Amino acid sequence: MTLALRAMTRLANWPDLAEARPSCGTGRALRSAQGEIVHFHSDHDVDLHLTDRAIRRFEDHLKGATAVRMVPGSRWVTLHLEVDADIDLLLTLVSVALQAHLTSPVADDAVPASCNDR
């Protein structure tokens, strides 16, 4: 079982997430009531939708994580899953994303821009 599939399986059991078609049309996605949260594009690459506020708050930590790739101006961050610890990082960031979308919804974040899989 690939790391992405293991992560997807774990996250699919979270009560606030449901499987959905990704708006980008590639791979599989999980969404909350507030919108798309995560896209699984390959066996190793995952895009996670954060709010602008969450990205600014955790930017130094995100930039310091070797598994994370940030695209300037995007509300999505890409995680490259190489080891089990990357799944743990993804689960933590999904929790941050859910909390960010729930507690501080911003009009611009309601409809996510294209994910980073382009």
PDB file of N, CA and C in Angstrom:
ATOM      1  N   MET A   1       0.848  -1.170   0.000  1.00  0.00           N
ATOM      2  CA  MET A   1       0.000   0.000   0.000  1.00  0.00           C
ATOM      3  C   MET A   1       0.904   1.246   0.000  1.00  0.00           C
ATOM      4  N   THR A   2       0.620   2.191  -0.876  1.00  0.00           N
ATOM      5  CA  THR A   2       1.435   3.399  -0.981  1.00  0.00           C
ATOM      6  C   THR A   2       1.175   4.319   0.213  1.00  0.00           C
ATOM      7  N   LEU A   3       2.094   5.247   0.429  1.00  0.00           N
ATOM      8  CA  LEU A   3       1.925   6.204   1.518  1.00  0.00           C
ATOM      9  C   LEU A   3       0.667   7.047   1.317  1.00  0.00           C
ATOM     10  N   ALA A   4       0.421   7.472   0.094  1.00  0.00           N
ATOM     11  CA  ALA A   4      -0.766   8.285  -0.176  1.00  0.00           C
ATOM     12  C   ALA A   4      -2.047   7.498   0.106  1.00  0.00           C
ATOM     13  N   LEU A   5      -2.076   6.256  -0.285  1.00  0.00           N
ATOM     14  CA  LEU A   5      -3.261   5.437  -0.033  1.00  0.00           C
ATOM     15  C   LEU A   5      -3.454   5.206   1.463  1.00  0.00           C
ATOM     16  N   ARG A   6      -2.366   4.993   2.180  1.00  0.00           N
ATOM     17  CA  ARG A   6      -2.465   4.829   3.638  1.00  0.00           C
ATOM     18  C   ARG A   6      -3.001   6.101   4.284  1.00  0.00           C
ATOM     19  N   ALA A   7      -2.507   7.253   3.839  1.00  0.00           N
ATOM     20  CA  ALA A   7      -2.983   8.523   4.386  1.00  0.00           C
ATOM     21  C   ALA A   7      -4.455   8.742   4.040  1.00  0.00           C
ATOM     22  N   MET A   8      -4.826   8.472   2.804  1.00  0.00           N
ATOM     23  CA  MET A   8      -6.215   8.632   2.364  1.00  0.00           C
ATOM     24  C   MET A   8      -7.138   7.745   3.193  1.00  0.00           C
ATOM     25  N   THR A   9      -6.728   6.510   3.428  1.00  0.00           N
ATOM     26  CA  THR A   9      -7.533   5.574   4.210  1.00  0.00           C
ATOM     27  C   THR A   9      -7.739   6.088   5.627  1.00  0.00           C
ATOM     28  N   ARG A  10      -6.687   6.610   6.221  1.00  0.00           N
ATOM     29  CA  ARG A  10      -6.808   7.142   7.584  1.00  0.00           C
ATOM     30  C   ARG A  10      -7.707   8.371   7.615  1.00  0.00           C
ATOM     31  N   LEU A  11      -7.518   9.283   6.684  1.00  0.00           N
ATOM     32  CA  LEU A  11      -8.306  10.512   6.673  1.00  0.00           C
ATOM     33  C   LEU A  11      -9.771  10.271   6.299  1.00  0.00           C
ATOM     34  N   ALA A  12     -10.029   9.273   5.486  1.00  0.00           N
ATOM     35  CA  ALA A  12     -11.406   8.983   5.063  1.00  0.00           C
ATOM     36  C   ALA A  12     -12.281   8.588   6.254  1.00  0.00           C
ATOM     37  N   ASN A  13     -11.658   8.172   7.345  1.00  0.00           N
ATOM     38  CA  ASN A  13     -12.401   7.798   8.547  1.00  0.00           C
ATOM     39  C   ASN A  13     -12.680   8.980   9.471  1.00  0.00           C
ATOM     40  N   TRP A  14     -12.138  10.144   9.154  1.00  0.00           N
ATOM     41  CA  TRP A  14     -12.393  11.314   9.990  1.00  0.00           C
ATOM     42  C   TRP A  14     -13.836  11.767   9.756  1.00  0.00           C
ATOM     43  N   PRO A  15     -14.568  12.072  10.824  1.00  0.00           N
ATOM     44  CA  PRO A  15     -15.993  12.413  10.664  1.00  0.00           C
ATOM     45  C   PRO A  15     -16.245  13.709   9.902  1.00  0.00           C
ATOM     46  N   ASP A  16     -15.285  14.614   9.861  1.00  0.00           N
ATOM     47  CA  ASP A  16     -15.488  15.890   9.175  1.00  0.00           C
ATOM     48  C   ASP A  16     -15.096  15.864   7.707  1.00  0.00           C
ATOM     49  N   LEU A  17     -14.655  14.710   7.214  1.00  0.00           N
ATOM     50  CA  LEU A  17     -14.202  14.600   5.825  1.00  0.00           C
ATOM     51  C   LEU A  17     -15.011  13.567   5.066  1.00  0.00           C
ATOM     52  N   ALA A  18     -15.223  13.832   3.797  1.00  0.00           N
ATOM     53  CA  ALA A  18     -15.912  12.893   2.917  1.00  0.00           C
ATOM     54  C   ALA A  18     -15.194  12.874   1.578  1.00  0.00           C
ATOM     55  N   GLU A  19     -15.175  11.714   0.945  1.00  0.00           N
ATOM     56  CA  GLU A  19     -14.527  11.612  -0.356  1.00  0.00           C
ATOM     57  C   GLU A  19     -15.349  12.358  -1.404  1.00  0.00           C
ATOM     58  N   ALA A  20     -14.630  13.005  -2.322  1.00  0.00           N
ATOM     59  CA  ALA A  20     -15.274  13.783  -3.381  1.00  0.00           C
ATOM     60  C   ALA A  20     -14.385  13.760  -4.610  1.00  0.00           C
ATOM     61  N   ARG A  21     -14.953  14.198  -5.733  1.00  0.00           N
ATOM     62  CA  ARG A  21     -14.144  14.377  -6.951  1.00  0.00           C
ATOM     63  C   ARG A  21     -13.340  15.652  -6.796  1.00  0.00           C
ATOM     64  N   PRO A  22     -12.063  15.607  -7.089  1.00  0.00           N
ATOM     65  CA  PRO A  22     -11.278  16.835  -7.000  1.00  0.00           C
ATOM     66  C   PRO A  22     -11.662  17.808  -8.117  1.00  0.00           C
ATOM     67  N   SER A  23     -11.719  19.073  -7.788  1.00  0.00           N
ATOM     68  CA  SER A  23     -12.101  20.084  -8.778  1.00  0.00           C
ATOM     69  C   SER A  23     -11.102  20.156  -9.932  1.00  0.00           C
ATOM     70  N   CYS A  24      -9.861  19.734  -9.678  1.00  0.00           N
ATOM     71  CA  CYS A  24      -8.846  19.758 -10.733  1.00  0.00           C
ATOM     72  C   CYS A  24      -8.996  18.571 -11.686  1.00  0.00           C
ATOM     73  N   GLY A  25      -9.782  17.562 -11.263  1.00  0.00           N
ATOM     74  CA  GLY A  25     -10.032  16.407 -12.113  1.00  0.00           C
ATOM     75  C   GLY A  25      -8.977  15.322 -12.048  1.00  0.00           C
ATOM     76  N   THR A  26      -7.978  15.475 -11.161  1.00  0.00           N
ATOM     77  CA  THR A  26      -6.902  14.492 -11.082  1.00  0.00           C
ATOM     78  C   THR A  26      -6.876  13.835  -9.713  1.00  0.00           C
ATOM     79  N   GLY A  27      -6.930  12.522  -9.669  1.00  0.00           N
ATOM     80  CA  GLY A  27      -6.783  11.791  -8.415  1.00  0.00           C
ATOM     81  C   GLY A  27      -8.067  11.703  -7.623  1.00  0.00           C
ATOM     82  N   ARG A  28      -7.905  11.739  -6.296  1.00  0.00           N
ATOM     83  CA  ARG A  28      -9.027  11.640  -5.365  1.00  0.00           C
ATOM     84  C   ARG A  28      -8.957  12.816  -4.404  1.00  0.00           C
ATOM     85  N   ALA A  29     -10.087  13.140  -3.801  1.00  0.00           N
ATOM     86  CA  ALA A  29     -10.122  14.289  -2.896  1.00  0.00           C
ATOM     87  C   ALA A  29     -10.948  13.984  -1.664  1.00  0.00           C
ATOM     88  N   LEU A  30     -10.672  14.740  -0.623  1.00  0.00           N
ATOM     89  CA  LEU A  30     -11.494  14.742   0.579  1.00  0.00           C
ATOM     90  C   LEU A  30     -11.930  16.176   0.819  1.00  0.00           C
ATOM     91  N   ARG A  31     -13.174  16.334   1.257  1.00  0.00           N
ATOM     92  CA  ARG A  31     -13.702  17.669   1.496  1.00  0.00           C
ATOM     93  C   ARG A  31     -14.412  17.696   2.839  1.00  0.00           C
ATOM     94  N   SER A  32     -14.545  18.904   3.351  1.00  0.00           N
ATOM     95  CA  SER A  32     -15.329  19.143   4.552  1.00  0.00           C
ATOM     96  C   SER A  32     -16.585  19.884   4.124  1.00  0.00           C
ATOM     97  N   ALA A  33     -17.409  20.255   5.084  1.00  0.00           N
ATOM     98  CA  ALA A  33     -18.605  21.036   4.762  1.00  0.00           C
ATOM     99  C   ALA A  33     -18.221  22.400   4.192  1.00  0.00           C
ATOM    100  N   GLN A  34     -17.020  22.887   4.527  1.00  0.00           N
ATOM    101  CA  GLN A  34     -16.573  24.192   4.057  1.00  0.00           C
ATOM    102  C   GLN A  34     -15.940  24.149   2.673  1.00  0.00           C
ATOM    103  N   GLY A  35     -15.531  22.990   2.191  1.00  0.00           N
ATOM    104  CA  GLY A  35     -14.935  22.904   0.859  1.00  0.00           C
ATOM    105  C   GLY A  35     -13.866  21.838   0.773  1.00  0.00           C
ATOM    106  N   GLU A  36     -13.203  21.789  -0.367  1.00  0.00           N
ATOM    107  CA  GLU A  36     -12.147  20.806  -0.590  1.00  0.00           C
ATOM    108  C   GLU A  36     -10.974  21.068   0.346  1.00  0.00           C
ATOM    109  N   ILE A  37     -10.443  19.997   0.900  1.00  0.00           N
ATOM    110  CA  ILE A  37      -9.339  20.116   1.841  1.00  0.00           C
ATOM    111  C   ILE A  37      -8.068  19.489   1.287  1.00  0.00           C
ATOM    112  N   VAL A  38      -8.180  18.310   0.688  1.00  0.00           N
ATOM    113  CA  VAL A  38      -6.972  17.610   0.258  1.00  0.00           C
ATOM    114  C   VAL A  38      -7.221  16.854  -1.045  1.00  0.00           C
ATOM    115  N   HIS A  39      -6.228  16.914  -1.931  1.00  0.00           N
ATOM    116  CA  HIS A  39      -6.247  16.163  -3.191  1.00  0.00           C
ATOM    117  C   HIS A  39      -5.079  15.192  -3.186  1.00  0.00           C
ATOM    118  N   PHE A  40      -5.349  13.949  -3.470  1.00  0.00           N
ATOM    119  CA  PHE A  40      -4.315  12.927  -3.616  1.00  0.00           C
ATOM    120  C   PHE A  40      -4.091  12.739  -5.114  1.00  0.00           C
ATOM    121  N   HIS A  41      -2.950  13.214  -5.615  1.00  0.00           N
ATOM    122  CA  HIS A  41      -2.703  13.211  -7.052  1.00  0.00           C
ATOM    123  C   HIS A  41      -1.895  12.019  -7.538  1.00  0.00           C
ATOM    124  N   SER A  42      -1.097  11.433  -6.672  1.00  0.00           N
ATOM    125  CA  SER A  42      -0.264  10.299  -7.073  1.00  0.00           C
ATOM    126  C   SER A  42       0.052   9.473  -5.833  1.00  0.00           C
ATOM    127  N   ASP A  43       0.909   8.509  -5.991  1.00  0.00           N
ATOM    128  CA  ASP A  43       1.304   7.676  -4.857  1.00  0.00           C
ATOM    129  C   ASP A  43       2.117   8.451  -3.834  1.00  0.00           C
ATOM    130  N   HIS A  44       2.604   9.631  -4.216  1.00  0.00           N
ATOM    131  CA  HIS A  44       3.466  10.393  -3.314  1.00  0.00           C
ATOM    132  C   HIS A  44       3.075  11.858  -3.151  1.00  0.00           C
ATOM    133  N   ASP A  45       2.300  12.431  -4.064  1.00  0.00           N
ATOM    134  CA  ASP A  45       2.027  13.867  -4.019  1.00  0.00           C
ATOM    135  C   ASP A  45       0.590  14.173  -3.616  1.00  0.00           C
ATOM    136  N   VAL A  46       0.488  15.074  -2.638  1.00  0.00           N
ATOM    137  CA  VAL A  46      -0.795  15.454  -2.060  1.00  0.00           C
ATOM    138  C   VAL A  46      -0.846  16.977  -1.980  1.00  0.00           C
ATOM    139  N   ASP A  47      -1.952  17.558  -2.405  1.00  0.00           N
ATOM    140  CA  ASP A  47      -2.158  18.997  -2.257  1.00  0.00           C
ATOM    141  C   ASP A  47      -3.159  19.231  -1.131  1.00  0.00           C
ATOM    142  N   LEU A  48      -2.845  20.198  -0.280  1.00  0.00           N
ATOM    143  CA  LEU A  48      -3.654  20.510   0.890  1.00  0.00           C
ATOM    144  C   LEU A  48      -4.076  21.966   0.833  1.00  0.00           C
ATOM    145  N   HIS A  49      -5.382  22.205   0.982  1.00  0.00           N
ATOM    146  CA  HIS A  49      -5.914  23.566   0.916  1.00  0.00           C
ATOM    147  C   HIS A  49      -5.931  24.184   2.310  1.00  0.00           C
ATOM    148  N   LEU A  50      -5.106  25.216   2.480  1.00  0.00           N
ATOM    149  CA  LEU A  50      -5.077  25.991   3.716  1.00  0.00           C
ATOM    150  C   LEU A  50      -5.637  27.384   3.435  1.00  0.00           C
ATOM    151  N   THR A  51      -6.030  28.074   4.460  1.00  0.00           N
ATOM    152  CA  THR A  51      -6.438  29.466   4.277  1.00  0.00           C
ATOM    153  C   THR A  51      -5.186  30.332   4.199  1.00  0.00           C
ATOM    154  N   ASP A  52      -5.340  31.523   3.646  1.00  0.00           N
ATOM    155  CA  ASP A  52      -4.216  32.465   3.602  1.00  0.00           C
ATOM    156  C   ASP A  52      -3.684  32.724   5.013  1.00  0.00           C
ATOM    157  N   ARG A  53      -4.593  32.879   5.953  1.00  0.00           N
ATOM    158  CA  ARG A  53      -4.197  33.145   7.340  1.00  0.00           C
ATOM    159  C   ARG A  53      -3.374  31.998   7.915  1.00  0.00           C
ATOM    160  N   ALA A  54      -3.775  30.764   7.669  1.00  0.00           N
ATOM    161  CA  ALA A  54      -3.028  29.604   8.179  1.00  0.00           C
ATOM    162  C   ALA A  54      -1.648  29.522   7.527  1.00  0.00           C
ATOM    163  N   ILE A  55      -1.578  29.795   6.244  1.00  0.00           N
ATOM    164  CA  ILE A  55      -0.278  29.761   5.567  1.00  0.00           C
ATOM    165  C   ILE A  55       0.644  30.818   6.157  1.00  0.00           C
ATOM    166  N   ARG A  56       0.128  32.026   6.363  1.00  0.00           N
ATOM    167  CA  ARG A  56       0.969  33.088   6.952  1.00  0.00           C
ATOM    168  C   ARG A  56       1.407  32.700   8.359  1.00  0.00           C
ATOM    169  N   ARG A  57       0.504  32.135   9.124  1.00  0.00           N
ATOM    170  CA  ARG A  57       0.812  31.781  10.522  1.00  0.00           C
ATOM    171  C   ARG A  57       1.897  30.711  10.621  1.00  0.00           C
ATOM    172  N   PHE A  58       1.866  29.729   9.737  1.00  0.00           N
ATOM    173  CA  PHE A  58       2.792  28.598   9.811  1.00  0.00           C
ATOM    174  C   PHE A  58       3.848  28.612   8.711  1.00  0.00           C
ATOM    175  N   GLU A  59       3.984  29.730   8.015  1.00  0.00           N
ATOM    176  CA  GLU A  59       4.859  29.799   6.846  1.00  0.00           C
ATOM    177  C   GLU A  59       6.291  29.360   7.136  1.00  0.00           C
ATOM    178  N   ASP A  60       6.870  29.821   8.218  1.00  0.00           N
ATOM    179  CA  ASP A  60       8.251  29.435   8.534  1.00  0.00           C
ATOM    180  C   ASP A  60       8.377  27.932   8.735  1.00  0.00           C
ATOM    181  N   HIS A  61       7.404  27.341   9.413  1.00  0.00           N
ATOM    182  CA  HIS A  61       7.424  25.897   9.641  1.00  0.00           C
ATOM    183  C   HIS A  61       7.217  25.125   8.334  1.00  0.00           C
ATOM    184  N   LEU A  62       6.303  25.621   7.518  1.00  0.00           N
ATOM    185  CA  LEU A  62       6.043  24.965   6.236  1.00  0.00           C
ATOM    186  C   LEU A  62       7.273  25.007   5.345  1.00  0.00           C
ATOM    187  N   LYS A  63       7.924  26.162   5.289  1.00  0.00           N
ATOM    188  CA  LYS A  63       9.121  26.294   4.457  1.00  0.00           C
ATOM    189  C   LYS A  63      10.271  25.440   4.986  1.00  0.00           C
ATOM    190  N   GLY A  64      10.274  25.172   6.284  1.00  0.00           N
ATOM    191  CA  GLY A  64      11.332  24.367   6.879  1.00  0.00           C
ATOM    192  C   GLY A  64      11.134  22.870   6.731  1.00  0.00           C
ATOM    193  N   ALA A  65       9.955  22.448   6.339  1.00  0.00           N
ATOM    194  CA  ALA A  65       9.666  21.012   6.197  1.00  0.00           C
ATOM    195  C   ALA A  65      10.099  20.539   4.814  1.00  0.00           C
ATOM    196  N   THR A  66      10.946  19.542   4.771  1.00  0.00           N
ATOM    197  CA  THR A  66      11.463  19.066   3.486  1.00  0.00           C
ATOM    198  C   THR A  66      10.383  18.430   2.621  1.00  0.00           C
ATOM    199  N   ALA A  67       9.309  17.952   3.218  1.00  0.00           N
ATOM    200  CA  ALA A  67       8.239  17.308   2.454  1.00  0.00           C
ATOM    201  C   ALA A  67       7.280  18.310   1.827  1.00  0.00           C
ATOM    202  N   VAL A  68       7.370  19.582   2.231  1.00  0.00           N
ATOM    203  CA  VAL A  68       6.404  20.598   1.805  1.00  0.00           C
ATOM    204  C   VAL A  68       6.975  21.457   0.686  1.00  0.00           C
ATOM    205  N   ARG A  69       6.140  21.680  -0.316  1.00  0.00           N
ATOM    206  CA  ARG A  69       6.473  22.611  -1.400  1.00  0.00           C
ATOM    207  C   ARG A  69       5.366  23.655  -1.447  1.00  0.00           C
ATOM    208  N   MET A  70       5.781  24.907  -1.414  1.00  0.00           N
ATOM    209  CA  MET A  70       4.814  26.002  -1.468  1.00  0.00           C
ATOM    210  C   MET A  70       4.923  26.713  -2.809  1.00  0.00           C
ATOM    211  N   VAL A  71       3.789  27.089  -3.353  1.00  0.00           N
ATOM    212  CA  VAL A  71       3.732  27.834  -4.596  1.00  0.00           C
ATOM    213  C   VAL A  71       3.282  29.246  -4.233  1.00  0.00           C
ATOM    214  N   PRO A  72       4.091  30.264  -4.532  1.00  0.00           N
ATOM    215  CA  PRO A  72       3.719  31.635  -4.183  1.00  0.00           C
ATOM    216  C   PRO A  72       2.329  31.993  -4.714  1.00  0.00           C
ATOM    217  N   GLY A  73       1.516  32.573  -3.833  1.00  0.00           N
ATOM    218  CA  GLY A  73       0.178  33.003  -4.212  1.00  0.00           C
ATOM    219  C   GLY A  73      -0.879  31.920  -4.157  1.00  0.00           C
ATOM    220  N   SER A  74      -0.483  30.686  -3.894  1.00  0.00           N
ATOM    221  CA  SER A  74      -1.443  29.582  -3.841  1.00  0.00           C
ATOM    222  C   SER A  74      -1.870  29.333  -2.404  1.00  0.00           C
ATOM    223  N   ARG A  75      -3.136  29.008  -2.228  1.00  0.00           N
ATOM    224  CA  ARG A  75      -3.640  28.606  -0.911  1.00  0.00           C
ATOM    225  C   ARG A  75      -3.503  27.109  -0.706  1.00  0.00           C
ATOM    226  N   TRP A  76      -2.846  26.447  -1.618  1.00  0.00           N
ATOM    227  CA  TRP A  76      -2.584  25.012  -1.522  1.00  0.00           C
ATOM    228  C   TRP A  76      -1.096  24.809  -1.270  1.00  0.00           C
ATOM    229  N   VAL A  77      -0.768  23.843  -0.436  1.00  0.00           N
ATOM    230  CA  VAL A  77       0.617  23.425  -0.268  1.00  0.00           C
ATOM    231  C   VAL A  77       0.695  21.977  -0.729  1.00  0.00           C
ATOM    232  N   THR A  78       1.822  21.603  -1.276  1.00  0.00           N
ATOM    233  CA  THR A  78       2.023  20.238  -1.762  1.00  0.00           C
ATOM    234  C   THR A  78       2.934  19.500  -0.792  1.00  0.00           C
ATOM    235  N   LEU A  79       2.537  18.296  -0.446  1.00  0.00           N
ATOM    236  CA  LEU A  79       3.375  17.431   0.375  1.00  0.00           C
ATOM    237  C   LEU A  79       3.817  16.260  -0.483  1.00  0.00           C
ATOM    238  N   HIS A  80       5.099  15.981  -0.421  1.00  0.00           N
ATOM    239  CA  HIS A  80       5.644  14.816  -1.110  1.00  0.00           C
ATOM    240  C   HIS A  80       5.886  13.764  -0.042  1.00  0.00           C
ATOM    241  N   LEU A  81       5.111  12.693  -0.091  1.00  0.00           N
ATOM    242  CA  LEU A  81       5.170  11.645   0.926  1.00  0.00           C
ATOM    243  C   LEU A  81       6.266  10.642   0.586  1.00  0.00           C
ATOM    244  N   GLU A  82       7.294  10.620   1.422  1.00  0.00           N
ATOM    245  CA  GLU A  82       8.426   9.706   1.231  1.00  0.00           C
ATOM    246  C   GLU A  82       8.547   8.700   2.363  1.00  0.00           C
ATOM    247  N   VAL A  83       8.204   9.120   3.584  1.00  0.00           N
ATOM    248  CA  VAL A  83       8.362   8.277   4.770  1.00  0.00           C
ATOM    249  C   VAL A  83       7.111   8.396   5.633  1.00  0.00           C
ATOM    250  N   ASP A  84       6.966   7.483   6.590  1.00  0.00           N
ATOM    251  CA  ASP A  84       5.784   7.484   7.458  1.00  0.00           C
ATOM    252  C   ASP A  84       5.586   8.814   8.179  1.00  0.00           C
ATOM    253  N   ALA A  85       6.677   9.479   8.548  1.00  0.00           N
ATOM    254  CA  ALA A  85       6.569  10.770   9.241  1.00  0.00           C
ATOM    255  C   ALA A  85       5.862  11.807   8.373  1.00  0.00           C
ATOM    256  N   ASP A  86       5.957  11.676   7.068  1.00  0.00           N
ATOM    257  CA  ASP A  86       5.262  12.605   6.172  1.00  0.00           C
ATOM    258  C   ASP A  86       3.752  12.440   6.279  1.00  0.00           C
ATOM    259  N   ILE A  87       3.295  11.232   6.535  1.00  0.00           N
ATOM    260  CA  ILE A  87       1.855  11.012   6.761  1.00  0.00           C
ATOM    261  C   ILE A  87       1.430  11.725   8.031  1.00  0.00           C
ATOM    262  N   ASP A  88       2.248  11.619   9.074  1.00  0.00           N
ATOM    263  CA  ASP A  88       1.932  12.308  10.326  1.00  0.00           C
ATOM    264  C   ASP A  88       1.852  13.818  10.108  1.00  0.00           C
ATOM    265  N   LEU A  89       2.785  14.365   9.326  1.00  0.00           N
ATOM    266  CA  LEU A  89       2.759  15.789   9.007  1.00  0.00           C
ATOM    267  C   LEU A  89       1.481  16.134   8.255  1.00  0.00           C
ATOM    268  N   LEU A  90       1.109  15.312   7.280  1.00  0.00           N
ATOM    269  CA  LEU A  90      -0.117  15.552   6.521  1.00  0.00           C
ATOM    270  C   LEU A  90      -1.334  15.555   7.441  1.00  0.00           C
ATOM    271  N   LEU A  91      -1.438  14.581   8.333  1.00  0.00           N
ATOM    272  CA  LEU A  91      -2.581  14.511   9.245  1.00  0.00           C
ATOM    273  C   LEU A  91      -2.650  15.763  10.117  1.00  0.00           C
ATOM    274  N   THR A  92      -1.504  16.218  10.588  1.00  0.00           N
ATOM    275  CA  THR A  92      -1.467  17.437  11.397  1.00  0.00           C
ATOM    276  C   THR A  92      -1.935  18.634  10.584  1.00  0.00           C
ATOM    277  N   LEU A  93      -1.446  18.746   9.356  1.00  0.00           N
ATOM    278  CA  LEU A  93      -1.821  19.884   8.517  1.00  0.00           C
ATOM    279  C   LEU A  93      -3.284  19.822   8.081  1.00  0.00           C
ATOM    280  N   VAL A  94      -3.831  18.636   7.888  1.00  0.00           N
ATOM    281  CA  VAL A  94      -5.257  18.522   7.580  1.00  0.00           C
ATOM    282  C   VAL A  94      -6.069  19.018   8.768  1.00  0.00           C
ATOM    283  N   SER A  95      -5.639  18.684   9.967  1.00  0.00           N
ATOM    284  CA  SER A  95      -6.314  19.176  11.167  1.00  0.00           C
ATOM    285  C   SER A  95      -6.259  20.700  11.226  1.00  0.00           C
ATOM    286  N   VAL A  96      -5.097  21.269  10.925  1.00  0.00           N
ATOM    287  CA  VAL A  96      -4.944  22.734  10.875  1.00  0.00           C
ATOM    288  C   VAL A  96      -5.880  23.317   9.818  1.00  0.00           C
ATOM    289  N   ALA A  97      -5.929  22.692   8.654  1.00  0.00           N
ATOM    290  CA  ALA A  97      -6.790  23.183   7.571  1.00  0.00           C
ATOM    291  C   ALA A  97      -8.267  23.147   7.968  1.00  0.00           C
ATOM    292  N   LEU A  98      -8.694  22.048   8.561  1.00  0.00           N
ATOM    293  CA  LEU A  98     -10.094  21.952   8.980  1.00  0.00           C
ATOM    294  C   LEU A  98     -10.429  23.039   9.991  1.00  0.00           C
ATOM    295  N   GLN A  99      -9.554  23.216  10.959  1.00  0.00           N
ATOM    296  CA  GLN A  99      -9.780  24.241  11.982  1.00  0.00           C
ATOM    297  C   GLN A  99      -9.781  25.639  11.365  1.00  0.00           C
ATOM    298  N   ALA A 100      -8.846  25.894  10.459  1.00  0.00           N
ATOM    299  CA  ALA A 100      -8.751  27.208   9.820  1.00  0.00           C
ATOM    300  C   ALA A 100      -9.999  27.527   9.010  1.00  0.00           C
ATOM    301  N   HIS A 101     -10.496  26.560   8.264  1.00  0.00           N
ATOM    302  CA  HIS A 101     -11.677  26.793   7.437  1.00  0.00           C
ATOM    303  C   HIS A 101     -12.930  26.934   8.291  1.00  0.00           C
ATOM    304  N   LEU A 102     -12.956  26.249   9.419  1.00  0.00           N
ATOM    305  CA  LEU A 102     -14.125  26.281  10.289  1.00  0.00           C
ATOM    306  C   LEU A 102     -14.192  27.562  11.116  1.00  0.00           C
ATOM    307  N   THR A 103     -13.048  27.977  11.680  1.00  0.00           N
ATOM    308  CA  THR A 103     -13.068  29.097  12.619  1.00  0.00           C
ATOM    309  C   THR A 103     -12.879  30.458  11.969  1.00  0.00           C
ATOM    310  N   SER A 104     -12.220  30.496  10.847  1.00  0.00           N
ATOM    311  CA  SER A 104     -11.939  31.783  10.209  1.00  0.00           C
ATOM    312  C   SER A 104     -12.246  31.759   8.734  1.00  0.00           C
ATOM    313  N   PRO A 105     -13.487  31.419   8.374  1.00  0.00           N
ATOM    314  CA  PRO A 105     -13.784  31.398   6.940  1.00  0.00           C
ATOM    315  C   PRO A 105     -13.653  32.801   6.341  1.00  0.00           C
ATOM    316  N   VAL A 106     -12.976  32.844   5.235  1.00  0.00           N
ATOM    317  CA  VAL A 106     -12.780  34.091   4.511  1.00  0.00           C
ATOM    318  C   VAL A 106     -13.390  33.905   3.134  1.00  0.00           C
ATOM    319  N   ALA A 107     -14.076  34.905   2.635  1.00  0.00           N
ATOM    320  CA  ALA A 107     -14.773  34.776   1.352  1.00  0.00           C
ATOM    321  C   ALA A 107     -13.863  34.253   0.259  1.00  0.00           C
ATOM    322  N   ASP A 108     -12.626  34.747   0.186  1.00  0.00           N
ATOM    323  CA  ASP A 108     -11.709  34.301  -0.860  1.00  0.00           C
ATOM    324  C   ASP A 108     -11.300  32.847  -0.699  1.00  0.00           C
ATOM    325  N   ASP A 109     -11.407  32.306   0.515  1.00  0.00           N
ATOM    326  CA  ASP A 109     -11.027  30.929   0.753  1.00  0.00           C
ATOM    327  C   ASP A 109     -12.185  29.955   0.544  1.00  0.00           C
ATOM    328  N   ALA A 110     -13.398  30.464   0.399  1.00  0.00           N
ATOM    329  CA  ALA A 110     -14.558  29.585   0.254  1.00  0.00           C
ATOM    330  C   ALA A 110     -14.498  28.776  -1.021  1.00  0.00           C
ATOM    331  N   VAL A 111     -14.030  29.387  -2.088  1.00  0.00           N
ATOM    332  CA  VAL A 111     -13.901  28.678  -3.354  1.00  0.00           C
ATOM    333  C   VAL A 111     -12.410  28.585  -3.648  1.00  0.00           C
ATOM    334  N   PRO A 112     -11.822  27.414  -3.460  1.00  0.00           N
ATOM    335  CA  PRO A 112     -10.368  27.322  -3.636  1.00  0.00           C
ATOM    336  C   PRO A 112      -9.941  27.555  -5.068  1.00  0.00           C
ATOM    337  N   ALA A 113      -8.813  28.230  -5.189  1.00  0.00           N
ATOM    338  CA  ALA A 113      -8.198  28.374  -6.502  1.00  0.00           C
ATOM    339  C   ALA A 113      -7.691  27.001  -6.905  1.00  0.00           C
ATOM    340  N   SER A 114      -7.229  26.905  -8.111  1.00  0.00           N
ATOM    341  CA  SER A 114      -6.701  25.625  -8.577  1.00  0.00           C
ATOM    342  C   SER A 114      -5.619  25.124  -7.636  1.00  0.00           C
ATOM    343  N   CYS A 115      -5.609  23.824  -7.432  1.00  0.00           N
ATOM    344  CA  CYS A 115      -4.565  23.237  -6.593  1.00  0.00           C
ATOM    345  C   CYS A 115      -3.224  23.317  -7.336  1.00  0.00           C
ATOM    346  N   ASN A 116      -2.192  22.824  -6.723  1.00  0.00           N
ATOM    347  CA  ASN A 116      -0.855  22.949  -7.287  1.00  0.00           C
ATOM    348  C   ASN A 116      -0.537  21.907  -8.346  1.00  0.00           C
ATOM    349  N   ASP A 117      -1.442  20.989  -8.630  1.00  0.00           N
ATOM    350  CA  ASP A 117      -1.205  19.930  -9.617  1.00  0.00           C
ATOM    351  C   ASP A 117      -1.484  20.467 -11.015  1.00  0.00           C
ATOM    352  N   ARG A 118      -0.572  21.275 -11.492  1.00  0.00           N
ATOM    353  CA  ARG A 118      -0.719  21.848 -12.822  1.00  0.00           C
ATOM    354  C   ARG A 118       0.620  22.013 -13.470  1.00  0.00           C
TER     355      ARG A 118
END
